[in-house]
Amino acid sequence: MKNSVLYIVIAALLFSVITGCNRNVKKQGNSNDALKIAVRSTANGCFHPIYAKDDCDNAIVDLVYESLISLTPQLEYEPELAESYIVSDDLLSVTFYLRKGVKWNNGVEFTAEDVKFTFEYIASIHKGSLYSNIKAISGIDEYITGKVNSIKGIQIIDKYTVKISTDEIYIPFIEKIGVNIPIFSKQHLNKVNEGDKYEIEKLLINPIGTGPYKVSDYVKYKYVELSQNESYWGNKPKIKKIIMEVINEDNAHGMIASEEQSIIFKDAVLTDEEALSYRESNAKIQILERNSYEQLVLNNNNKYLKQNSVRRALYYAIDRENLRKTLLKDEGEVVNTAYPPSYEPCLKNENINIYEYDPDKALQILTNELKWDYHNDYVYDDGEIVKFELLYTQNDEITRLCPPLIQENLRKVGIEIITRKVNMTEMIDRLGKGDYDMALVTSESIVDPDLRNSFHSSSIKDGTNYAGYKSSKLDKLIEEGEKCTDMNKRMEIYMEAAKIINEDIPVVFLFKRADKRIISANISNVMYNPFTDFYKVNEWIIE
């Protein structure tokens, strides 16, 4: 989605990949013909907002689909498919006025019917993060249970106007329904029989969107090619093609520094030597300040991890400051709450326990509070070594090296950790089913401090509360915060919520990354946005 964190290297090409060239070879031809994006794994071919399975799929969704409104780099709302919107005086509805003349990339006109269809289709699936964003819409429960044929809270006023309502004041409503939901074509999806696997696969690899690019070619396990959307309502993209293909990471640094290729992205931590090589090629280095963090999600239904004492011991046993120094080259920061940097008071809450690294205290909790035996460098419960499986996806060097360091930390207090690398599809599937012990997961990026998706009990089944965490007190605070219009009072509510999460420890907060984006000297108009890697991509230029 738009908050995706992926490893990308973009090389401007003519019509083929240049390899093994001398650095003194000069560029020739029209460099705006194509960009090459090197990804860590090939796309699954699920190029649809609901069915996207990995970072590459989500990157393509970003380029093909659009939402009603979007976020600027300053985190302000700006028009996208809706040219304007009005919030009712009672704060219970938002009326979106859609752009006229917008067409899907198959030439069909975009209308309010598509908006209504998108929300109702997501409701019919009723699971996942997209659904958790629309749950506040009036009448959605009756629609899901089949009592009604349409959602009461979605009203088409005319062809270019749609009104979306909620039963109670819900402060994050605009962000949830306006920014977080890519709109898709009613005509396109309506044609497919859900039981026809071939038709579904055909639909997913041929997405119909309103964005600046469209998928023009896809070879499974090899590459995805996108070309300009001739029907795009905005300024026509200046770069004709984007090609996503797996490129060996060992070659990436040389490609970025190479003067005969134009490179634009690499989400990673740089060594001093790498940074020097980029500066020598006049590359620009941008710091990526994302509103997300790395966390160790703990299965709160596991026979051991459901005990607060075990989770507390894990917090003390993991040297998070060393993780930051080792993995982030002494950049980034250790995090102690689920709130983004914009909510500084919550981050500096004096009631928050920062769980400084203390393996002796961790072992004391395991042996004194839990009465586990400790001998031969292991802790035992009923004669068995206490062990957990740690799932992770290898997105980059950080996610590759982090699990062994956690494994080493926990081994020092007698806990055995078995690390297991899985692809994103398996990760999401196992998290959703609760079929795991612990998992290294990147949090969602948020602007509003509403934590419903990650920590409200209603999001265990339909959201991203993968820990399976339940707290009636926290649920109440989250619900109060969602309705509170007094921002000072709202901050007090979320500071109390942060304290509860800090004490209950459904997850272990690790660190906020300090990734970099490398931009070659001949690339211009690339603006940083913490919520999308392709902000105003139609304006990018390779000179």
Protein backbone atom coordinates (compact mmCIF):
# COMPACT_ATOMS: atom_id res chain seq x y z
CA MET A 1 0.00 0.00 0.00
CA LYS A 2 1.09 3.67 0.26
CA ASN A 3 2.75 3.14 3.51
CA SER A 4 4.91 0.27 2.03
CA VAL A 5 8.64 0.05 2.94
CA LEU A 6 10.52 -1.66 0.14
CA TYR A 7 14.04 -1.92 -1.14
CA ILE A 8 14.16 -0.15 -4.49
CA VAL A 9 16.89 0.77 -6.89
CA ILE A 10 15.75 2.59 -10.01
CA ALA A 11 17.99 2.70 -13.04
CA ALA A 12 17.13 4.74 -16.10
CA LEU A 13 17.56 2.62 -19.18
CA LEU A 14 17.04 3.00 -22.90
CA PHE A 15 15.35 -0.27 -23.77
CA SER A 16 17.79 -2.71 -22.23
CA VAL A 17 19.82 -3.15 -19.06
CA ILE A 18 23.41 -1.98 -19.25
CA THR A 19 25.75 -4.17 -17.24
CA GLY A 20 29.48 -4.27 -16.72
CA CYS A 21 30.00 -0.85 -18.30
CA ASN A 22 32.98 1.40 -17.70
CA ARG A 23 32.12 4.40 -15.51
CA ASN A 24 33.38 6.74 -18.21
CA VAL A 25 30.82 5.54 -20.77
CA LYS A 26 28.39 8.38 -21.43
CA LYS A 27 24.61 8.09 -21.53
CA GLN A 28 23.00 8.12 -24.94
CA GLY A 29 19.47 8.55 -26.24
CA ASN A 30 16.31 9.58 -24.44
CA SER A 31 16.78 8.72 -20.76
CA ASN A 32 13.10 9.33 -20.04
CA ASP A 33 12.12 6.15 -21.88
CA ALA A 34 12.24 3.86 -18.85
CA LEU A 35 13.11 3.45 -15.20
CA LYS A 36 14.21 0.13 -13.84
CA ILE A 37 13.23 -0.71 -10.29
CA ALA A 38 15.24 -3.46 -8.67
CA VAL A 39 13.21 -5.33 -6.05
CA ARG A 40 14.21 -8.09 -3.65
CA SER A 41 11.58 -10.55 -4.83
CA THR A 42 9.36 -10.85 -7.87
CA ALA A 43 5.76 -9.75 -7.65
CA ASN A 44 3.11 -12.35 -6.92
CA GLY A 45 0.90 -11.02 -9.69
CA CYS A 46 -1.76 -9.80 -7.26
CA PHE A 47 -1.98 -6.21 -8.45
CA HIS A 48 -5.11 -5.24 -6.57
CA PRO A 49 -5.55 -3.28 -3.30
CA ILE A 50 -7.35 -6.18 -1.59
CA TYR A 51 -5.23 -9.07 -2.84
CA ALA A 52 -1.68 -7.59 -2.96
CA LYS A 53 0.68 -9.97 -1.14
CA ASP A 54 4.08 -8.29 -0.95
CA ASP A 55 5.97 -5.02 -1.27
CA CYS A 56 6.29 -5.35 -5.05
CA ASP A 57 2.54 -5.97 -5.48
CA ASN A 58 1.83 -2.98 -3.25
CA ALA A 59 4.25 -0.77 -5.20
CA ILE A 60 2.32 -1.56 -8.37
CA VAL A 61 -0.96 -0.80 -6.58
CA ASP A 62 0.51 2.60 -5.66
CA LEU A 63 1.27 3.35 -9.31
CA VAL A 64 -2.03 2.09 -10.76
CA TYR A 65 -4.71 3.00 -8.19
CA GLU A 66 -5.70 6.21 -6.39
CA SER A 67 -7.68 7.20 -3.32
CA LEU A 68 -10.25 9.95 -2.87
CA ILE A 69 -7.67 12.18 -1.19
CA SER A 70 -3.97 11.85 -0.45
CA LEU A 71 -1.37 13.21 1.97
CA THR A 72 1.28 15.80 1.22
CA PRO A 73 4.83 15.45 2.60
CA GLN A 74 3.65 17.86 5.33
CA LEU A 75 0.90 15.33 6.20
CA GLU A 76 -1.91 17.59 4.99
CA TYR A 77 -4.84 16.36 2.91
CA GLU A 78 -4.87 17.16 -0.81
CA PRO A 79 -7.31 16.26 -3.60
CA GLU A 80 -6.90 13.09 -5.62
CA LEU A 81 -10.01 11.44 -7.10
CA ALA A 82 -12.12 13.82 -5.03
CA GLU A 83 -11.46 17.45 -5.92
CA SER A 84 -12.99 18.57 -2.61
CA TYR A 85 -14.96 17.37 0.42
CA ILE A 86 -17.17 18.81 3.15
CA VAL A 87 -17.55 17.51 6.72
CA SER A 88 -21.04 17.95 8.18
CA ASP A 89 -21.55 20.25 11.18
CA ASP A 90 -22.36 17.27 13.41
CA LEU A 91 -19.14 15.54 12.25
CA LEU A 92 -21.10 12.42 11.28
CA SER A 93 -20.67 12.52 7.51
CA VAL A 94 -18.24 13.49 4.77
CA THR A 95 -19.43 14.48 1.29
CA PHE A 96 -16.88 13.93 -1.47
CA TYR A 97 -17.14 15.88 -4.73
CA LEU A 98 -15.45 13.77 -7.38
CA ARG A 99 -13.37 14.96 -10.29
CA LYS A 100 -15.28 15.00 -13.56
CA GLY A 101 -13.78 13.49 -16.67
CA VAL A 102 -11.60 10.95 -14.86
CA LYS A 103 -11.30 7.64 -16.72
CA TRP A 104 -10.09 4.19 -15.79
CA ASN A 105 -7.12 3.01 -17.84
CA ASN A 106 -9.54 1.01 -20.02
CA GLY A 107 -11.28 4.25 -21.06
CA VAL A 108 -14.44 3.84 -18.93
CA GLU A 109 -15.52 6.88 -16.91
CA PHE A 110 -14.97 6.95 -13.14
CA THR A 111 -18.13 7.82 -11.13
CA ALA A 112 -19.63 7.68 -7.65
CA GLU A 113 -20.84 4.15 -8.44
CA ASP A 114 -17.21 2.99 -8.34
CA VAL A 115 -16.71 4.54 -4.91
CA LYS A 116 -19.82 2.86 -3.53
CA PHE A 117 -18.83 -0.46 -5.11
CA THR A 118 -15.32 -0.30 -3.64
CA PHE A 119 -16.55 0.11 -0.07
CA GLU A 120 -19.23 -2.56 -0.45
CA TYR A 121 -16.79 -5.03 -2.01
CA ILE A 122 -14.32 -4.51 0.85
CA ALA A 123 -17.20 -5.00 3.31
CA SER A 124 -18.20 -8.25 1.60
CA ILE A 125 -14.68 -9.60 2.20
CA HIS A 126 -14.82 -8.18 5.79
CA LYS A 127 -11.27 -8.92 6.81
CA GLY A 128 -7.85 -7.32 6.64
CA SER A 129 -6.59 -3.78 7.07
CA LEU A 130 -8.79 -2.27 4.33
CA TYR A 131 -11.93 -3.53 6.05
CA SER A 132 -10.77 -2.22 9.43
CA ASN A 133 -10.65 1.26 7.86
CA ILE A 134 -14.33 1.24 6.85
CA LYS A 135 -15.92 -0.50 9.85
CA ALA A 136 -17.26 2.80 11.23
CA ILE A 137 -19.52 3.41 8.23
CA SER A 138 -23.22 3.31 9.16
CA GLY A 139 -25.05 0.08 8.34
CA ILE A 140 -21.99 -1.99 7.48
CA ASP A 141 -22.86 -4.80 9.90
CA GLU A 142 -26.34 -5.22 8.40
CA TYR A 143 -24.79 -5.38 4.92
CA ILE A 144 -22.26 -8.04 5.94
CA THR A 145 -24.92 -10.24 7.53
CA GLY A 146 -27.11 -10.00 4.42
CA LYS A 147 -29.96 -8.14 6.06
CA VAL A 148 -29.72 -5.36 3.46
CA ASN A 149 -28.44 -5.10 -0.11
CA SER A 150 -26.49 -1.86 0.31
CA ILE A 151 -24.66 0.04 3.02
CA LYS A 152 -26.88 2.70 4.58
CA GLY A 153 -23.98 5.04 5.25
CA ILE A 154 -22.95 5.30 1.59
CA GLN A 155 -25.25 7.57 -0.37
CA ILE A 156 -24.79 8.52 -4.02
CA ILE A 157 -26.05 12.10 -4.38
CA ASP A 158 -25.35 12.27 -8.09
CA LYS A 159 -22.88 10.90 -10.62
CA TYR A 160 -19.99 12.86 -9.10
CA THR A 161 -21.00 13.22 -5.46
CA VAL A 162 -21.00 10.62 -2.69
CA LYS A 163 -21.82 11.03 1.00
CA ILE A 164 -20.35 8.63 3.59
CA SER A 165 -21.74 8.61 7.12
CA THR A 166 -21.05 7.10 10.52
CA ASP A 167 -23.36 6.64 13.50
CA GLU A 168 -20.99 8.24 16.01
CA ILE A 169 -18.29 10.89 15.82
CA TYR A 170 -15.13 9.24 14.56
CA ILE A 171 -12.23 11.70 14.36
CA PRO A 172 -9.97 9.56 12.07
CA PHE A 173 -12.85 9.06 9.60
CA ILE A 174 -11.41 11.16 6.75
CA GLU A 175 -8.00 9.49 6.93
CA LYS A 176 -9.54 6.01 7.10
CA ILE A 177 -12.00 6.31 4.20
CA GLY A 178 -10.39 9.07 2.16
CA VAL A 179 -6.67 8.30 2.26
CA ASN A 180 -6.40 4.61 3.13
CA ILE A 181 -8.83 3.13 0.58
CA PRO A 182 -7.70 2.86 -3.08
CA ILE A 183 -10.76 3.02 -5.33
CA PHE A 184 -11.27 0.28 -7.93
CA SER A 185 -13.53 -0.21 -10.93
CA LYS A 186 -17.03 -1.60 -10.49
CA GLN A 187 -17.19 -2.71 -14.12
CA HIS A 188 -13.86 -4.54 -13.92
CA LEU A 189 -14.46 -6.53 -10.74
CA ASN A 190 -18.14 -7.19 -11.40
CA LYS A 191 -17.29 -9.28 -14.44
CA VAL A 192 -15.47 -11.95 -12.47
CA ASN A 193 -17.02 -15.08 -11.02
CA GLU A 194 -15.35 -15.53 -7.62
CA GLY A 195 -15.16 -19.28 -8.18
CA ASP A 196 -13.30 -18.94 -11.47
CA LYS A 197 -9.63 -19.10 -10.49
CA TYR A 198 -8.40 -18.40 -14.03
CA GLU A 199 -10.53 -15.27 -14.37
CA ILE A 200 -9.43 -14.01 -10.95
CA GLU A 201 -5.75 -14.46 -11.81
CA LYS A 202 -6.32 -12.73 -15.14
CA LEU A 203 -7.99 -9.82 -13.35
CA LEU A 204 -5.20 -9.45 -10.79
CA ILE A 205 -2.40 -9.21 -13.36
CA ASN A 206 -4.37 -6.73 -15.49
CA PRO A 207 -5.42 -4.09 -12.98
CA ILE A 208 -7.79 -1.29 -13.97
CA GLY A 209 -6.94 1.92 -12.17
CA THR A 210 -7.01 5.70 -12.55
CA GLY A 211 -3.36 6.28 -11.62
CA PRO A 212 -0.54 7.56 -13.86
CA TYR A 213 0.68 4.08 -14.89
CA LYS A 214 -0.82 0.78 -16.02
CA VAL A 215 0.60 -2.74 -16.17
CA SER A 216 1.66 -3.46 -19.76
CA ASP A 217 3.59 -6.73 -19.32
CA TYR A 218 4.14 -9.32 -16.61
CA VAL A 219 6.29 -12.43 -16.65
CA LYS A 220 5.95 -14.37 -13.42
CA TYR A 221 9.17 -14.67 -11.39
CA LYS A 222 10.92 -12.29 -13.81
CA TYR A 223 9.57 -8.76 -14.13
CA VAL A 224 6.62 -6.38 -14.26
CA GLU A 225 6.48 -3.58 -16.79
CA LEU A 226 4.28 -0.50 -16.40
CA SER A 227 3.63 2.10 -19.07
CA GLN A 228 1.97 5.50 -19.13
CA ASN A 229 -1.79 5.54 -18.60
CA GLU A 230 -2.99 7.44 -21.66
CA SER A 231 -6.31 8.11 -19.88
CA TYR A 232 -4.69 9.67 -16.81
CA TRP A 233 -6.59 12.75 -15.63
CA GLY A 234 -3.50 14.60 -14.37
CA ASN A 235 -0.31 15.66 -16.09
CA LYS A 236 1.01 12.88 -18.29
CA PRO A 237 3.98 11.03 -16.73
CA LYS A 238 7.27 12.25 -18.13
CA ILE A 239 8.85 8.79 -17.83
CA LYS A 240 7.37 6.35 -20.31
CA LYS A 241 7.97 3.01 -18.59
CA ILE A 242 8.73 1.57 -15.18
CA ILE A 243 10.17 -1.95 -15.00
CA MET A 244 10.31 -3.87 -11.72
CA GLU A 245 12.82 -6.69 -11.73
CA VAL A 246 14.92 -8.59 -9.19
CA ILE A 247 18.52 -7.38 -9.10
CA ASN A 248 21.15 -8.97 -6.90
CA GLU A 249 21.81 -6.77 -3.89
CA ASP A 250 25.59 -7.16 -4.31
CA ASN A 251 25.27 -5.30 -7.62
CA ALA A 252 23.01 -2.57 -6.28
CA HIS A 253 25.70 -0.36 -4.76
CA GLY A 254 27.73 -0.36 -7.95
CA MET A 255 24.63 0.48 -9.98
CA ILE A 256 23.78 3.41 -7.72
CA ALA A 257 27.29 4.86 -7.93
CA SER A 258 27.61 4.13 -11.66
CA GLU A 259 27.53 7.29 -13.75
CA GLU A 260 26.14 5.58 -16.82
CA GLN A 261 22.94 4.58 -15.00
CA SER A 262 20.43 6.79 -13.19
CA ILE A 263 19.45 5.40 -9.80
CA ILE A 264 16.78 6.84 -7.58
CA PHE A 265 15.87 4.64 -4.61
CA LYS A 266 17.39 2.44 -1.97
CA ASP A 267 15.72 2.04 1.39
CA ALA A 268 18.64 1.00 3.58
CA VAL A 269 21.22 2.02 6.12
CA LEU A 270 24.45 3.15 4.50
CA THR A 271 28.02 2.47 5.51
CA ASP A 272 30.45 5.37 5.38
CA GLU A 273 32.07 3.84 2.31
CA GLU A 274 28.73 3.58 0.48
CA ALA A 275 27.78 7.14 1.37
CA LEU A 276 31.16 8.34 0.07
CA SER A 277 30.73 6.50 -3.24
CA TYR A 278 27.32 8.12 -3.71
CA ARG A 279 28.66 11.59 -2.96
CA GLU A 280 31.47 11.05 -5.45
CA SER A 281 28.85 10.45 -8.13
CA ASN A 282 27.00 13.61 -7.03
CA ALA A 283 24.07 11.56 -5.76
CA LYS A 284 21.69 13.15 -3.25
CA ILE A 285 20.89 11.30 -0.01
CA GLN A 286 17.47 11.79 1.58
CA ILE A 287 16.59 10.63 5.09
CA LEU A 288 13.30 8.72 5.19
CA GLU A 289 11.34 9.78 8.27
CA ARG A 290 8.55 7.21 8.22
CA ASN A 291 5.75 7.08 10.79
CA SER A 292 6.35 3.40 11.43
CA TYR A 293 8.62 1.22 13.54
CA GLU A 294 9.90 -2.34 13.89
CA GLN A 295 8.23 -4.49 16.53
CA LEU A 296 8.34 -8.02 17.85
CA VAL A 297 4.71 -9.15 17.83
CA LEU A 298 3.97 -11.72 20.55
CA ASN A 299 1.18 -14.26 20.26
CA ASN A 300 -0.83 -13.48 23.40
CA ASN A 301 -2.56 -16.86 23.12
CA ASN A 302 0.66 -18.86 23.32
CA LYS A 303 0.79 -20.90 26.54
CA TYR A 304 3.89 -18.99 27.68
CA LEU A 305 3.50 -15.62 25.98
CA LYS A 306 0.00 -15.11 27.34
CA GLN A 307 1.70 -14.53 30.70
CA ASN A 308 2.68 -10.91 31.31
CA SER A 309 5.74 -11.99 33.27
CA VAL A 310 7.15 -13.78 30.22
CA ARG A 311 6.54 -10.80 27.97
CA ARG A 312 8.12 -8.47 30.51
CA ALA A 313 11.16 -10.70 30.77
CA LEU A 314 11.55 -10.63 26.97
CA TYR A 315 11.53 -6.83 27.01
CA TYR A 316 14.37 -6.69 29.54
CA ALA A 317 16.28 -9.45 27.74
CA ILE A 318 16.42 -7.73 24.33
CA ASP A 319 19.16 -5.14 23.98
CA ARG A 320 17.21 -2.72 21.79
CA GLU A 321 19.87 0.00 21.97
CA ASN A 322 22.44 -2.44 20.60
CA LEU A 323 19.98 -3.40 17.84
CA ARG A 324 19.76 0.27 16.91
CA LYS A 325 23.52 0.79 16.94
CA THR A 326 24.33 -2.43 15.10
CA LEU A 327 21.56 -2.46 12.50
CA LEU A 328 21.12 1.27 11.97
CA LYS A 329 24.79 2.24 12.11
CA ASP A 330 24.10 4.28 15.27
CA GLU A 331 21.20 6.13 13.63
CA GLY A 332 17.43 5.83 14.16
CA GLU A 333 15.97 5.59 17.64
CA VAL A 334 14.62 3.06 20.12
CA VAL A 335 10.83 3.34 20.42
CA ASN A 336 8.70 2.73 23.49
CA THR A 337 5.17 3.51 22.29
CA ALA A 338 3.00 2.88 19.24
CA TYR A 339 2.62 6.57 18.45
CA PRO A 340 4.26 8.42 15.55
CA PRO A 341 6.85 11.17 16.16
CA SER A 342 4.20 13.86 15.61
CA TYR A 343 2.69 12.88 18.96
CA GLU A 344 5.74 13.87 20.99
CA PRO A 345 3.93 14.12 24.38
CA CYS A 346 3.03 10.43 24.18
CA LEU A 347 6.61 9.53 23.35
CA LYS A 348 7.90 11.43 26.39
CA ASN A 349 5.24 10.14 28.77
CA GLU A 350 6.90 9.92 32.18
CA ASN A 351 4.67 6.97 33.07
CA ILE A 352 6.22 4.84 30.32
CA ASN A 353 8.67 2.15 31.41
CA ILE A 354 11.50 2.15 28.87
CA TYR A 355 12.59 -1.41 29.79
CA GLU A 356 16.32 -0.78 29.65
CA TYR A 357 18.40 -3.83 28.80
CA ASP A 358 18.82 -5.94 31.95
CA PRO A 359 19.34 -9.67 31.30
CA ASP A 360 19.83 -10.36 35.01
CA LYS A 361 16.42 -8.89 35.77
CA ALA A 362 14.90 -10.89 32.90
CA LEU A 363 16.33 -14.13 34.26
CA GLN A 364 15.15 -13.21 37.74
CA ILE A 365 11.59 -12.83 36.46
CA LEU A 366 11.75 -16.20 34.71
CA THR A 367 13.09 -18.06 37.73
CA ASN A 368 11.55 -16.21 40.69
CA GLU A 369 8.15 -15.14 39.37
CA LEU A 370 7.51 -18.02 36.99
CA LYS A 371 9.45 -20.62 39.00
CA TRP A 372 11.16 -21.91 35.87
CA ASP A 373 14.30 -23.96 36.39
CA TYR A 374 17.59 -22.64 35.07
CA HIS A 375 20.50 -25.00 34.50
CA ASN A 376 22.91 -25.87 31.72
CA ASP A 377 22.32 -22.34 30.34
CA TYR A 378 18.63 -23.01 29.56
CA VAL A 379 15.34 -22.29 31.33
CA TYR A 380 12.98 -25.24 31.74
CA ASP A 381 9.26 -25.50 32.42
CA ASP A 382 8.09 -28.94 33.54
CA GLY A 383 11.37 -30.40 32.38
CA GLU A 384 11.22 -28.94 28.85
CA ILE A 385 13.41 -26.19 27.41
CA VAL A 386 11.37 -23.05 26.81
CA LYS A 387 11.58 -22.25 23.12
CA PHE A 388 9.83 -20.05 20.57
CA GLU A 389 9.76 -19.77 16.79
CA LEU A 390 10.47 -16.29 15.44
CA LEU A 391 9.04 -15.52 11.99
CA TYR A 392 10.53 -12.86 9.76
CA THR A 393 10.52 -11.74 6.14
CA GLN A 394 13.88 -10.83 4.63
CA ASN A 395 13.08 -7.46 3.10
CA ASP A 396 16.57 -6.03 3.53
CA GLU A 397 19.75 -6.25 5.60
CA ILE A 398 18.00 -4.99 8.71
CA THR A 399 15.27 -7.63 8.71
CA ARG A 400 17.87 -10.28 7.82
CA LEU A 401 20.24 -9.44 10.68
CA CYS A 402 17.74 -8.51 13.38
CA PRO A 403 16.37 -12.02 14.18
CA PRO A 404 19.82 -13.56 14.94
CA LEU A 405 20.59 -10.68 17.31
CA ILE A 406 17.29 -11.20 19.15
CA GLN A 407 18.00 -14.91 19.17
CA GLU A 408 21.40 -14.25 20.78
CA ASN A 409 19.90 -11.92 23.41
CA LEU A 410 17.24 -14.41 24.47
CA ARG A 411 19.71 -17.28 24.46
CA LYS A 412 21.64 -15.43 27.17
CA VAL A 413 18.64 -15.77 29.51
CA GLY A 414 18.13 -19.43 28.64
CA ILE A 415 15.36 -19.12 26.03
CA GLU A 416 15.84 -20.98 22.76
CA ILE A 417 14.73 -19.14 19.63
CA ILE A 418 14.25 -20.84 16.27
CA THR A 419 14.29 -18.25 13.51
CA ARG A 420 12.28 -18.97 10.38
CA LYS A 421 12.28 -16.90 7.21
CA VAL A 422 8.94 -16.82 5.37
CA ASN A 423 7.58 -14.88 2.41
CA MET A 424 5.06 -12.10 2.99
CA THR A 425 2.11 -14.25 1.94
CA GLU A 426 2.91 -16.91 4.54
CA MET A 427 3.64 -14.28 7.17
CA ILE A 428 0.26 -12.59 6.77
CA ASP A 429 -1.53 -15.94 6.64
CA ARG A 430 0.11 -17.25 9.82
CA LEU A 431 -0.33 -13.98 11.69
CA GLY A 432 -4.00 -13.89 10.75
CA LYS A 433 -4.53 -17.46 11.93
CA GLY A 434 -2.50 -17.00 15.12
CA ASP A 435 -0.22 -19.80 13.92
CA TYR A 436 3.03 -18.39 15.30
CA ASP A 437 4.91 -17.63 18.52
CA MET A 438 6.56 -14.31 17.74
CA ALA A 439 7.16 -12.33 14.55
CA LEU A 440 9.27 -9.39 13.41
CA VAL A 441 6.78 -6.97 11.83
CA THR A 442 6.88 -3.38 10.58
CA SER A 443 4.03 -1.33 12.01
CA GLU A 444 1.43 0.52 9.97
CA SER A 445 2.17 4.17 9.18
CA ILE A 446 -0.39 6.46 10.75
CA VAL A 447 -1.10 10.18 10.96
CA ASP A 448 -3.93 10.08 13.49
CA PRO A 449 -2.99 8.37 16.79
CA ASP A 450 -5.99 6.03 16.68
CA LEU A 451 -4.72 2.54 17.58
CA ARG A 452 -7.87 0.55 16.79
CA ASN A 453 -6.33 -1.46 13.95
CA SER A 454 -3.39 -2.69 16.00
CA PHE A 455 -4.63 -3.00 19.58
CA HIS A 456 -8.45 -2.91 19.83
CA SER A 457 -9.95 -6.33 20.50
CA SER A 458 -12.34 -5.93 17.55
CA SER A 459 -9.30 -5.93 15.24
CA ILE A 460 -8.16 -9.44 16.22
CA LYS A 461 -10.42 -10.97 13.60
CA ASP A 462 -10.83 -8.15 11.10
CA GLY A 463 -7.77 -5.93 11.53
CA THR A 464 -4.07 -6.11 12.31
CA ASN A 465 -4.19 -6.92 16.03
CA TYR A 466 -2.05 -9.97 15.25
CA ALA A 467 -0.99 -10.31 18.89
CA GLY A 468 -4.55 -11.32 19.75
CA TYR A 469 -4.40 -8.74 22.55
CA LYS A 470 -7.52 -7.95 24.58
CA SER A 471 -8.02 -5.19 27.12
CA SER A 472 -11.47 -3.83 27.89
CA LYS A 473 -9.89 -0.77 29.49
CA LEU A 474 -7.80 -0.02 26.40
CA ASP A 475 -10.79 -0.66 24.12
CA LYS A 476 -12.74 1.97 26.05
CA LEU A 477 -9.93 4.52 25.83
CA ILE A 478 -9.51 3.95 22.08
CA GLU A 479 -13.25 4.45 21.58
CA GLU A 480 -13.23 7.61 23.70
CA GLY A 481 -10.27 8.98 21.77
CA GLU A 482 -11.98 8.35 18.44
CA LYS A 483 -14.92 10.53 19.48
CA CYS A 484 -13.09 13.27 21.37
CA THR A 485 -12.99 16.65 19.57
CA ASP A 486 -10.91 18.38 22.26
CA MET A 487 -7.34 17.71 21.14
CA ASN A 488 -5.83 18.33 24.59
CA LYS A 489 -8.27 15.89 26.16
CA ARG A 490 -7.63 13.46 23.34
CA MET A 491 -3.91 13.59 24.03
CA GLU A 492 -4.55 12.75 27.68
CA ILE A 493 -6.62 9.75 26.60
CA TYR A 494 -3.86 8.44 24.34
CA MET A 495 -1.18 8.97 26.97
CA GLU A 496 -3.22 6.72 29.25
CA ALA A 497 -3.62 4.23 26.39
CA ALA A 498 0.15 4.25 25.87
CA LYS A 499 0.65 3.46 29.56
CA ILE A 500 -1.69 0.43 29.38
CA ILE A 501 0.06 -0.96 26.29
CA ASN A 502 3.41 -0.34 27.96
CA GLU A 503 2.36 -2.36 31.01
CA ASP A 504 0.54 -5.15 29.19
CA ILE A 505 3.25 -5.61 26.51
CA PRO A 506 1.28 -7.18 23.65
CA VAL A 507 4.33 -6.43 21.48
CA VAL A 508 7.94 -5.47 22.11
CA PHE A 509 8.62 -2.11 20.47
CA LEU A 510 12.10 -2.16 18.95
CA PHE A 511 13.30 0.79 16.90
CA LYS A 512 12.43 3.40 14.32
CA ARG A 513 14.54 3.01 11.22
CA ALA A 514 16.74 5.67 9.61
CA ASP A 515 16.60 4.59 5.98
CA LYS A 516 18.04 6.59 3.12
CA ARG A 517 16.92 7.33 -0.40
CA ILE A 518 19.65 7.74 -2.97
CA ILE A 519 18.90 10.05 -5.89
CA SER A 520 21.26 10.35 -8.83
CA ALA A 521 22.30 13.83 -9.85
CA ASN A 522 20.29 13.68 -13.08
CA ILE A 523 17.00 12.82 -11.36
CA SER A 524 14.74 15.72 -10.43
CA ASN A 525 11.28 16.44 -9.01
CA VAL A 526 11.40 13.50 -6.57
CA MET A 527 9.81 14.66 -3.33
CA TYR A 528 9.93 12.64 -0.14
CA ASN A 529 6.62 11.54 1.37
CA PRO A 530 6.51 9.19 4.39
CA PHE A 531 3.34 7.51 3.12
CA THR A 532 4.22 6.64 -0.45
CA ASP A 533 7.37 5.88 -2.38
CA PHE A 534 5.83 7.36 -5.55
CA TYR A 535 4.54 10.78 -4.56
CA LYS A 536 3.71 12.74 -7.75
CA VAL A 537 5.59 10.16 -9.81
CA ASN A 538 4.11 11.68 -12.97
CA GLU A 539 6.36 14.70 -12.42
CA TRP A 540 9.62 12.76 -12.05
CA ILE A 541 12.24 13.60 -14.66
CA ILE A 542 15.46 11.97 -15.77
CA GLU A 543 17.55 14.67 -17.41
